Amino acid sequence: MEENMDQEETKQDQPNESESQKEIEKLTATLNQVSGELNTIKANVEKRKSETTTLKILFYTGLTVLFFGFIYTNQTLQRAQFNNLEANISALQSRVNHTLLSLEKQLHEEIMNIENKVGGNPESKVHESLSDMNLALSALRPETEATNRLIKKVQKDSQELRDMLHNQKGNIDNTPEPVP
């Protein structure tokens, strides 16, 4: 009987061992499968990290390019506006100069016409003409500083001319006449 029991126990141990063996194999297969899935997930995470890093690099590179593009465009526009402004100022200055020259010419013509009509002493005509010109220039209201400077220069030059004529007249009057 004891032998029988030993055999029965051995038989019972064998099915238990075989079941345990099957379960171990099953767990090993599951473990291998989970390990494979973890390796796949790990590879995907590494791949995603690499992709994310690449996207960050592209994003910051694009942002930098846009920033420098904006700065370059802004500087180019400012340079163009400055050049345009300089051209406009030059055009306005030339127009003002042209206007002043035409006014001076008209004033000179009017002075000549008045001299021809009056027909008096040439020296007094010059003094009167210069006075009239200075009076007319004083009546002008300049729009720019450049115009104002030109008006002041013409007034100063005309005053110097009057003074020079006056001094010349005084020198002529004071020169002794030659003795015969």
N, C-alpha and C. Protein backbone atom coordinates (compact mmCIF):
# COMPACT_ATOMS: atom_id res chain seq x y z
N MET A 1 0.79 -1.15 0.00
CA MET A 1 0.00 0.00 0.00
C MET A 1 0.86 1.25 0.00
N GLU A 2 1.82 1.19 0.68
CA GLU A 2 2.68 2.32 0.70
C GLU A 2 3.25 2.56 -0.68
N GLU A 3 3.51 1.57 -1.32
CA GLU A 3 4.02 1.73 -2.66
C GLU A 3 2.97 2.34 -3.55
N ASN A 4 1.80 1.96 -3.34
CA ASN A 4 0.69 2.51 -4.11
C ASN A 4 0.55 4.01 -3.84
N MET A 5 0.70 4.32 -2.64
CA MET A 5 0.56 5.72 -2.27
C MET A 5 1.69 6.54 -2.88
N ASP A 6 2.85 5.95 -2.85
CA ASP A 6 3.97 6.66 -3.43
C ASP A 6 3.75 6.85 -4.93
N GLN A 7 3.19 5.86 -5.52
CA GLN A 7 2.94 5.97 -6.95
C GLN A 7 1.86 7.01 -7.22
N GLU A 8 0.86 7.00 -6.37
CA GLU A 8 -0.22 7.97 -6.55
C GLU A 8 0.32 9.38 -6.34
N GLU A 9 1.15 9.54 -5.33
CA GLU A 9 1.71 10.85 -5.08
C GLU A 9 2.60 11.26 -6.25
N THR A 10 3.32 10.33 -6.75
CA THR A 10 4.18 10.62 -7.88
C THR A 10 3.33 10.99 -9.07
N LYS A 11 2.23 10.32 -9.25
CA LYS A 11 1.33 10.63 -10.36
C LYS A 11 0.73 12.02 -10.16
N GLN A 12 0.37 12.30 -8.90
CA GLN A 12 -0.21 13.61 -8.64
C GLN A 12 0.87 14.68 -8.80
N ASP A 13 2.09 14.40 -8.40
CA ASP A 13 3.17 15.38 -8.54
C ASP A 13 3.48 15.63 -10.01
N GLN A 14 3.40 14.57 -10.78
CA GLN A 14 3.70 14.73 -12.20
C GLN A 14 2.69 15.64 -12.89
N PRO A 15 1.37 15.43 -12.64
CA PRO A 15 0.46 16.37 -13.28
C PRO A 15 0.67 17.79 -12.74
N ASN A 16 0.98 17.91 -11.46
CA ASN A 16 1.22 19.24 -10.91
C ASN A 16 2.47 19.86 -11.54
N GLU A 17 3.48 19.02 -11.70
CA GLU A 17 4.70 19.51 -12.32
C GLU A 17 4.44 19.90 -13.76
N SER A 18 3.69 19.14 -14.44
CA SER A 18 3.42 19.44 -15.83
C SER A 18 2.54 20.68 -15.95
N GLU A 19 1.63 20.84 -15.02
CA GLU A 19 0.80 22.06 -15.02
C GLU A 19 1.67 23.26 -14.68
N SER A 20 2.54 23.09 -13.72
CA SER A 20 3.44 24.17 -13.33
C SER A 20 4.35 24.53 -14.51
N GLN A 21 4.81 23.50 -15.17
CA GLN A 21 5.69 23.71 -16.32
C GLN A 21 4.94 24.50 -17.40
N LYS A 22 3.70 24.13 -17.63
CA LYS A 22 2.90 24.81 -18.65
C LYS A 22 2.67 26.27 -18.24
N GLU A 23 2.40 26.45 -16.95
CA GLU A 23 2.14 27.79 -16.48
C GLU A 23 3.42 28.64 -16.56
N ILE A 24 4.55 28.03 -16.25
CA ILE A 24 5.82 28.75 -16.34
C ILE A 24 6.08 29.13 -17.79
N GLU A 25 5.82 28.22 -18.69
CA GLU A 25 6.02 28.51 -20.11
C GLU A 25 5.07 29.62 -20.56
N LYS A 26 3.86 29.54 -20.07
CA LYS A 26 2.86 30.55 -20.41
C LYS A 26 3.30 31.92 -19.88
N LEU A 27 3.74 31.94 -18.62
CA LEU A 27 4.20 33.20 -18.03
C LEU A 27 5.46 33.70 -18.73
N THR A 28 6.35 32.79 -19.10
CA THR A 28 7.56 33.18 -19.83
C THR A 28 7.19 33.79 -21.18
N ALA A 29 6.23 33.18 -21.86
CA ALA A 29 5.78 33.71 -23.15
C ALA A 29 5.18 35.10 -22.97
N THR A 30 4.35 35.26 -21.92
CA THR A 30 3.73 36.56 -21.64
C THR A 30 4.81 37.59 -21.30
N LEU A 31 5.77 37.15 -20.48
CA LEU A 31 6.87 38.04 -20.10
C LEU A 31 7.67 38.46 -21.33
N ASN A 32 7.95 37.50 -22.21
CA ASN A 32 8.67 37.82 -23.45
C ASN A 32 7.86 38.78 -24.32
N GLN A 33 6.57 38.57 -24.37
CA GLN A 33 5.70 39.43 -25.16
C GLN A 33 5.69 40.85 -24.56
N VAL A 34 5.53 40.94 -23.24
CA VAL A 34 5.53 42.25 -22.57
C VAL A 34 6.89 42.92 -22.75
N SER A 35 7.97 42.13 -22.64
CA SER A 35 9.31 42.68 -22.83
C SER A 35 9.47 43.22 -24.25
N GLY A 36 8.96 42.50 -25.24
CA GLY A 36 9.02 42.95 -26.63
C GLY A 36 8.21 44.23 -26.82
N GLU A 37 7.03 44.26 -26.20
CA GLU A 37 6.21 45.47 -26.30
C GLU A 37 6.89 46.66 -25.62
N LEU A 38 7.52 46.41 -24.47
CA LEU A 38 8.25 47.49 -23.78
C LEU A 38 9.40 48.00 -24.63
N ASN A 39 10.12 47.07 -25.27
CA ASN A 39 11.21 47.49 -26.15
C ASN A 39 10.68 48.31 -27.32
N THR A 40 9.53 47.90 -27.86
CA THR A 40 8.90 48.65 -28.96
C THR A 40 8.50 50.04 -28.48
N ILE A 41 7.88 50.09 -27.28
CA ILE A 41 7.46 51.38 -26.72
C ILE A 41 8.68 52.26 -26.46
N LYS A 42 9.75 51.65 -25.92
CA LYS A 42 10.97 52.40 -25.65
C LYS A 42 11.55 52.97 -26.94
N ALA A 43 11.55 52.17 -28.00
CA ALA A 43 12.06 52.63 -29.30
C ALA A 43 11.18 53.77 -29.82
N ASN A 44 9.86 53.63 -29.67
CA ASN A 44 8.94 54.68 -30.12
C ASN A 44 9.16 55.98 -29.33
N VAL A 45 9.37 55.85 -28.01
CA VAL A 45 9.62 57.04 -27.18
C VAL A 45 10.91 57.72 -27.63
N GLU A 46 11.96 56.96 -27.87
CA GLU A 46 13.22 57.54 -28.34
C GLU A 46 13.02 58.23 -29.70
N LYS A 47 12.26 57.57 -30.56
CA LYS A 47 11.98 58.12 -31.88
C LYS A 47 11.20 59.43 -31.74
N ARG A 48 10.21 59.45 -30.86
CA ARG A 48 9.40 60.64 -30.63
C ARG A 48 10.26 61.78 -30.04
N LYS A 49 11.18 61.41 -29.11
CA LYS A 49 12.07 62.41 -28.55
C LYS A 49 12.91 63.04 -29.66
N SER A 50 13.42 62.20 -30.53
CA SER A 50 14.23 62.68 -31.64
C SER A 50 13.40 63.58 -32.55
N GLU A 51 12.17 63.16 -32.85
CA GLU A 51 11.29 63.97 -33.69
C GLU A 51 10.95 65.29 -33.01
N THR A 52 10.68 65.24 -31.71
CA THR A 52 10.37 66.46 -30.96
C THR A 52 11.55 67.42 -30.97
N THR A 53 12.75 66.89 -30.77
CA THR A 53 13.95 67.73 -30.81
C THR A 53 14.12 68.35 -32.19
N THR A 54 13.91 67.56 -33.22
CA THR A 54 14.02 68.07 -34.59
C THR A 54 12.99 69.17 -34.83
N LEU A 55 11.76 68.95 -34.38
CA LEU A 55 10.71 69.97 -34.55
C LEU A 55 11.04 71.25 -33.78
N LYS A 56 11.59 71.10 -32.58
CA LYS A 56 11.99 72.29 -31.82
C LYS A 56 13.07 73.06 -32.56
N ILE A 57 14.05 72.33 -33.08
CA ILE A 57 15.13 72.98 -33.82
C ILE A 57 14.56 73.71 -35.03
N LEU A 58 13.67 73.06 -35.77
CA LEU A 58 13.05 73.70 -36.94
C LEU A 58 12.24 74.92 -36.53
N PHE A 59 11.49 74.81 -35.44
CA PHE A 59 10.66 75.92 -34.98
C PHE A 59 11.53 77.12 -34.61
N TYR A 60 12.56 76.88 -33.80
CA TYR A 60 13.41 78.00 -33.38
C TYR A 60 14.22 78.57 -34.54
N THR A 61 14.61 77.72 -35.46
CA THR A 61 15.31 78.21 -36.65
C THR A 61 14.37 79.10 -37.47
N GLY A 62 13.15 78.64 -37.67
CA GLY A 62 12.16 79.44 -38.40
C GLY A 62 11.87 80.75 -37.71
N LEU A 63 11.75 80.71 -36.40
CA LEU A 63 11.49 81.92 -35.63
C LEU A 63 12.65 82.90 -35.75
N THR A 64 13.87 82.38 -35.71
CA THR A 64 15.06 83.23 -35.86
C THR A 64 15.10 83.84 -37.26
N VAL A 65 14.82 83.05 -38.27
CA VAL A 65 14.81 83.56 -39.65
C VAL A 65 13.75 84.66 -39.79
N LEU A 66 12.58 84.44 -39.24
CA LEU A 66 11.53 85.47 -39.29
C LEU A 66 11.96 86.74 -38.58
N PHE A 67 12.59 86.60 -37.43
CA PHE A 67 13.04 87.76 -36.66
C PHE A 67 14.06 88.58 -37.45
N PHE A 68 15.08 87.90 -37.99
CA PHE A 68 16.09 88.62 -38.75
C PHE A 68 15.51 89.16 -40.06
N GLY A 69 14.57 88.46 -40.65
CA GLY A 69 13.89 88.97 -41.83
C GLY A 69 13.12 90.24 -41.52
N PHE A 70 12.47 90.26 -40.38
CA PHE A 70 11.73 91.45 -39.96
C PHE A 70 12.68 92.62 -39.76
N ILE A 71 13.80 92.37 -39.08
CA ILE A 71 14.76 93.44 -38.84
C ILE A 71 15.33 93.96 -40.16
N TYR A 72 15.68 93.06 -41.07
CA TYR A 72 16.23 93.47 -42.36
C TYR A 72 15.21 94.29 -43.15
N THR A 73 13.96 93.81 -43.18
CA THR A 73 12.91 94.52 -43.91
C THR A 73 12.68 95.90 -43.30
N ASN A 74 12.67 95.96 -41.99
CA ASN A 74 12.45 97.23 -41.30
C ASN A 74 13.57 98.22 -41.63
N GLN A 75 14.81 97.76 -41.61
CA GLN A 75 15.93 98.64 -41.93
C GLN A 75 15.88 99.09 -43.39
N THR A 76 15.52 98.19 -44.28
CA THR A 76 15.42 98.53 -45.69
C THR A 76 14.35 99.58 -45.92
N LEU A 77 13.21 99.40 -45.27
CA LEU A 77 12.13 100.39 -45.40
C LEU A 77 12.55 101.74 -44.83
N GLN A 78 13.23 101.74 -43.70
CA GLN A 78 13.67 103.00 -43.11
C GLN A 78 14.67 103.70 -44.03
N ARG A 79 15.58 102.93 -44.62
CA ARG A 79 16.54 103.52 -45.54
C ARG A 79 15.84 104.13 -46.75
N ALA A 80 14.85 103.41 -47.29
CA ALA A 80 14.11 103.91 -48.44
C ALA A 80 13.34 105.18 -48.08
N GLN A 81 12.72 105.19 -46.91
CA GLN A 81 11.99 106.39 -46.48
C GLN A 81 12.94 107.56 -46.28
N PHE A 82 14.11 107.30 -45.73
CA PHE A 82 15.09 108.36 -45.52
C PHE A 82 15.54 108.94 -46.87
N ASN A 83 15.83 108.06 -47.83
CA ASN A 83 16.24 108.53 -49.16
C ASN A 83 15.12 109.33 -49.81
N ASN A 84 13.89 108.86 -49.67
CA ASN A 84 12.75 109.57 -50.23
C ASN A 84 12.59 110.93 -49.57
N LEU A 85 12.78 110.99 -48.26
CA LEU A 85 12.68 112.24 -47.53
C LEU A 85 13.75 113.22 -48.00
N GLU A 86 14.97 112.72 -48.18
CA GLU A 86 16.05 113.58 -48.67
C GLU A 86 15.72 114.13 -50.06
N ALA A 87 15.18 113.28 -50.92
CA ALA A 87 14.82 113.73 -52.27
C ALA A 87 13.73 114.79 -52.20
N ASN A 88 12.74 114.58 -51.34
CA ASN A 88 11.67 115.57 -51.19
C ASN A 88 12.21 116.90 -50.67
N ILE A 89 13.12 116.84 -49.70
CA ILE A 89 13.70 118.08 -49.16
C ILE A 89 14.49 118.80 -50.24
N SER A 90 15.26 118.07 -51.03
CA SER A 90 16.03 118.69 -52.12
C SER A 90 15.10 119.33 -53.14
N ALA A 91 14.02 118.64 -53.47
CA ALA A 91 13.06 119.20 -54.43
C ALA A 91 12.42 120.47 -53.88
N LEU A 92 12.06 120.45 -52.61
CA LEU A 92 11.46 121.64 -52.00
C LEU A 92 12.45 122.80 -51.95
N GLN A 93 13.70 122.52 -51.62
CA GLN A 93 14.71 123.57 -51.59
C GLN A 93 14.92 124.18 -52.97
N SER A 94 14.97 123.34 -53.98
CA SER A 94 15.16 123.87 -55.33
C SER A 94 13.95 124.69 -55.76
N ARG A 95 12.75 124.24 -55.36
CA ARG A 95 11.56 125.02 -55.68
C ARG A 95 11.57 126.38 -54.98
N VAL A 96 11.98 126.39 -53.72
CA VAL A 96 12.06 127.65 -52.98
C VAL A 96 13.10 128.56 -53.63
N ASN A 97 14.25 128.01 -53.97
CA ASN A 97 15.29 128.81 -54.63
C ASN A 97 14.79 129.37 -55.96
N HIS A 98 14.11 128.54 -56.71
CA HIS A 98 13.56 128.99 -57.99
C HIS A 98 12.54 130.10 -57.77
N THR A 99 11.68 129.93 -56.78
CA THR A 99 10.67 130.95 -56.48
C THR A 99 11.33 132.25 -56.07
N LEU A 100 12.35 132.17 -55.21
CA LEU A 100 13.05 133.39 -54.80
C LEU A 100 13.74 134.07 -55.98
N LEU A 101 14.35 133.27 -56.83
CA LEU A 101 15.01 133.85 -58.01
C LEU A 101 14.00 134.53 -58.93
N SER A 102 12.86 133.90 -59.11
CA SER A 102 11.84 134.51 -59.97
C SER A 102 11.28 135.78 -59.32
N LEU A 103 11.11 135.76 -58.00
CA LEU A 103 10.65 136.97 -57.30
C LEU A 103 11.69 138.09 -57.42
N GLU A 104 12.95 137.73 -57.27
CA GLU A 104 14.01 138.72 -57.40
C GLU A 104 14.05 139.29 -58.81
N LYS A 105 13.86 138.43 -59.79
CA LYS A 105 13.86 138.88 -61.18
C LYS A 105 12.67 139.81 -61.44
N GLN A 106 11.49 139.42 -60.95
CA GLN A 106 10.31 140.27 -61.13
C GLN A 106 10.51 141.61 -60.43
N LEU A 107 11.06 141.58 -59.24
CA LEU A 107 11.30 142.80 -58.49
C LEU A 107 12.29 143.69 -59.24
N HIS A 108 13.33 143.08 -59.77
CA HIS A 108 14.31 143.84 -60.54
C HIS A 108 13.66 144.47 -61.77
N GLU A 109 12.82 143.70 -62.46
CA GLU A 109 12.12 144.24 -63.63
C GLU A 109 11.21 145.40 -63.25
N GLU A 110 10.51 145.26 -62.13
CA GLU A 110 9.64 146.34 -61.68
C GLU A 110 10.46 147.58 -61.33
N ILE A 111 11.59 147.36 -60.69
CA ILE A 111 12.46 148.49 -60.35
C ILE A 111 12.95 149.18 -61.61
N MET A 112 13.33 148.42 -62.59
CA MET A 112 13.80 149.00 -63.86
C MET A 112 12.68 149.77 -64.54
N ASN A 113 11.47 149.19 -64.52
CA ASN A 113 10.34 149.88 -65.13
C ASN A 113 10.06 151.20 -64.41
N ILE A 114 10.11 151.17 -63.09
CA ILE A 114 9.87 152.39 -62.32
C ILE A 114 10.96 153.40 -62.59
N GLU A 115 12.21 152.95 -62.68
CA GLU A 115 13.32 153.86 -62.99
C GLU A 115 13.12 154.51 -64.35
N ASN A 116 12.71 153.71 -65.32
CA ASN A 116 12.50 154.25 -66.65
C ASN A 116 11.36 155.26 -66.66
N LYS A 117 10.31 155.00 -65.88
CA LYS A 117 9.17 155.92 -65.84
C LYS A 117 9.54 157.21 -65.11
N VAL A 118 10.25 157.09 -64.00
CA VAL A 118 10.59 158.26 -63.20
C VAL A 118 11.68 159.05 -63.89
N GLY A 119 12.70 158.39 -64.33
CA GLY A 119 13.78 159.01 -65.10
C GLY A 119 14.51 160.10 -64.34
N GLY A 120 14.78 159.93 -63.11
CA GLY A 120 15.47 160.94 -62.30
C GLY A 120 16.94 160.64 -62.19
N ASN A 121 17.53 161.07 -61.10
CA ASN A 121 18.95 160.88 -60.80
C ASN A 121 19.25 159.38 -60.69
N PRO A 122 20.23 158.85 -61.43
CA PRO A 122 20.52 157.42 -61.39
C PRO A 122 20.94 156.94 -60.00
N GLU A 123 21.67 157.77 -59.26
CA GLU A 123 22.09 157.35 -57.93
C GLU A 123 20.90 157.23 -56.99
N SER A 124 19.99 158.17 -57.07
CA SER A 124 18.82 158.10 -56.20
C SER A 124 17.92 156.95 -56.63
N LYS A 125 17.93 156.67 -57.93
CA LYS A 125 17.14 155.53 -58.41
C LYS A 125 17.65 154.22 -57.79
N VAL A 126 18.96 154.07 -57.75
CA VAL A 126 19.53 152.86 -57.19
C VAL A 126 19.19 152.76 -55.71
N HIS A 127 19.35 153.88 -54.99
CA HIS A 127 19.03 153.87 -53.56
C HIS A 127 17.56 153.56 -53.34
N GLU A 128 16.71 154.18 -54.13
CA GLU A 128 15.27 153.92 -53.99
C GLU A 128 14.94 152.47 -54.35
N SER A 129 15.56 151.99 -55.42
CA SER A 129 15.31 150.61 -55.84
C SER A 129 15.72 149.62 -54.75
N LEU A 130 16.90 149.86 -54.19
CA LEU A 130 17.37 148.98 -53.13
C LEU A 130 16.47 149.07 -51.90
N SER A 131 16.02 150.26 -51.59
CA SER A 131 15.10 150.43 -50.45
C SER A 131 13.79 149.72 -50.72
N ASP A 132 13.27 149.89 -51.95
CA ASP A 132 12.01 149.22 -52.31
C ASP A 132 12.17 147.70 -52.26
N MET A 133 13.32 147.23 -52.75
CA MET A 133 13.55 145.79 -52.73
C MET A 133 13.62 145.27 -51.29
N ASN A 134 14.32 145.99 -50.44
CA ASN A 134 14.39 145.57 -49.03
C ASN A 134 13.02 145.62 -48.37
N LEU A 135 12.23 146.62 -48.72
CA LEU A 135 10.88 146.72 -48.17
C LEU A 135 10.02 145.55 -48.64
N ALA A 136 10.13 145.22 -49.92
CA ALA A 136 9.36 144.09 -50.46
C ALA A 136 9.81 142.77 -49.83
N LEU A 137 11.10 142.62 -49.63
CA LEU A 137 11.60 141.40 -49.00
C LEU A 137 11.17 141.31 -47.54
N SER A 138 11.08 142.44 -46.87
CA SER A 138 10.63 142.45 -45.48
C SER A 138 9.17 142.03 -45.38
N ALA A 139 8.41 142.32 -46.42
CA ALA A 139 6.98 141.97 -46.41
C ALA A 139 6.76 140.47 -46.62
N LEU A 140 7.76 139.80 -47.19
CA LEU A 140 7.61 138.35 -47.41
C LEU A 140 7.62 137.61 -46.09
N ARG A 141 6.80 136.60 -46.01
CA ARG A 141 6.78 135.71 -44.84
C ARG A 141 7.33 134.36 -45.28
N PRO A 142 8.61 134.08 -44.96
CA PRO A 142 9.21 132.82 -45.41
C PRO A 142 8.58 131.62 -44.72
N GLU A 143 8.47 130.54 -45.51
CA GLU A 143 7.89 129.31 -44.98
C GLU A 143 8.95 128.41 -44.36
N THR A 144 10.18 128.57 -44.79
CA THR A 144 11.24 127.70 -44.27
C THR A 144 12.41 128.55 -43.81
N GLU A 145 13.28 127.94 -43.07
CA GLU A 145 14.47 128.61 -42.57
C GLU A 145 15.40 128.96 -43.73
N ALA A 146 15.47 128.08 -44.73
CA ALA A 146 16.33 128.33 -45.88
C ALA A 146 15.86 129.59 -46.63
N THR A 147 14.57 129.74 -46.79
CA THR A 147 14.01 130.92 -47.46
C THR A 147 14.34 132.16 -46.65
N ASN A 148 14.19 132.08 -45.36
CA ASN A 148 14.48 133.20 -44.48
C ASN A 148 15.95 133.60 -44.59
N ARG A 149 16.84 132.63 -44.64
CA ARG A 149 18.27 132.92 -44.78
C ARG A 149 18.56 133.62 -46.11
N LEU A 150 17.92 133.15 -47.18
CA LEU A 150 18.13 133.78 -48.49
C LEU A 150 17.65 135.23 -48.49
N ILE A 151 16.49 135.47 -47.88
CA ILE A 151 15.96 136.84 -47.82
C ILE A 151 16.92 137.73 -47.05
N LYS A 152 17.40 137.24 -45.91
CA LYS A 152 18.33 138.03 -45.09
C LYS A 152 19.63 138.30 -45.86
N LYS A 153 20.08 137.31 -46.63
CA LYS A 153 21.31 137.48 -47.41
C LYS A 153 21.12 138.55 -48.48
N VAL A 154 19.99 138.53 -49.18
CA VAL A 154 19.71 139.54 -50.21
C VAL A 154 19.62 140.92 -49.57
N GLN A 155 18.96 141.01 -48.41
CA GLN A 155 18.85 142.30 -47.73
C GLN A 155 20.23 142.81 -47.31
N LYS A 156 21.05 141.92 -46.79
CA LYS A 156 22.40 142.32 -46.37
C LYS A 156 23.22 142.78 -47.57
N ASP A 157 23.15 142.02 -48.68
CA ASP A 157 23.90 142.39 -49.88
C ASP A 157 23.44 143.74 -50.42
N SER A 158 22.13 143.98 -50.41
CA SER A 158 21.63 145.26 -50.92
C SER A 158 22.06 146.42 -50.01
N GLN A 159 22.09 146.17 -48.71
CA GLN A 159 22.55 147.22 -47.79
C GLN A 159 24.03 147.52 -48.02
N GLU A 160 24.82 146.47 -48.23
CA GLU A 160 26.24 146.68 -48.52
C GLU A 160 26.42 147.46 -49.82
N LEU A 161 25.60 147.18 -50.81
CA LEU A 161 25.67 147.90 -52.09
C LEU A 161 25.32 149.37 -51.88
N ARG A 162 24.28 149.62 -51.10
CA ARG A 162 23.90 151.02 -50.81
C ARG A 162 25.03 151.75 -50.09
N ASP A 163 25.61 151.08 -49.09
CA ASP A 163 26.71 151.70 -48.35
C ASP A 163 27.91 151.95 -49.26
N MET A 164 28.19 150.99 -50.12
CA MET A 164 29.32 151.14 -51.04
C MET A 164 29.07 152.31 -52.00
N LEU A 165 27.86 152.43 -52.52
CA LEU A 165 27.53 153.55 -53.42
C LEU A 165 27.62 154.88 -52.68
N HIS A 166 27.15 154.87 -51.45
CA HIS A 166 27.20 156.09 -50.65
C HIS A 166 28.65 156.50 -50.38
N ASN A 167 29.49 155.53 -50.02
CA ASN A 167 30.91 155.81 -49.78
C ASN A 167 31.60 156.26 -51.06
N GLN A 168 31.22 155.65 -52.17
CA GLN A 168 31.82 156.01 -53.45
C GLN A 168 31.42 157.44 -53.82
N LYS A 169 30.18 157.81 -53.56
CA LYS A 169 29.70 159.16 -53.85
C LYS A 169 30.45 160.16 -52.97
N GLY A 170 30.67 159.79 -51.71
CA GLY A 170 31.41 160.67 -50.80
C GLY A 170 32.84 160.84 -51.25
N ASN A 171 33.44 159.79 -51.75
CA ASN A 171 34.83 159.88 -52.22
C ASN A 171 34.92 160.74 -53.47
N ILE A 172 33.93 160.67 -54.32
CA ILE A 172 33.93 161.47 -55.55
C ILE A 172 33.78 162.94 -55.19
N ASP A 173 32.90 163.23 -54.23
CA ASP A 173 32.67 164.62 -53.83
C ASP A 173 33.90 165.20 -53.12
N ASN A 174 34.65 164.40 -52.40
CA ASN A 174 35.79 164.89 -51.62
C ASN A 174 37.10 164.92 -52.41
N THR A 175 37.13 164.39 -53.60
CA THR A 175 38.38 164.40 -54.37
C THR A 175 38.64 165.82 -54.88
N PRO A 176 39.86 166.28 -54.70
CA PRO A 176 40.16 167.64 -55.18
C PRO A 176 40.20 167.67 -56.70
N GLU A 177 39.77 168.78 -57.20
CA GLU A 177 39.79 168.93 -58.65
C GLU A 177 41.21 169.29 -59.08
N PRO A 178 41.60 168.78 -60.23
CA PRO A 178 42.96 169.07 -60.67
C PRO A 178 43.16 170.58 -60.93
N VAL A 179 44.33 171.06 -60.58
CA VAL A 179 44.67 172.47 -60.77
C VAL A 179 45.17 172.65 -62.20
N PRO A 180 44.63 173.67 -62.89
CA PRO A 180 45.09 173.88 -64.27
C PRO A 180 46.43 174.55 -64.36
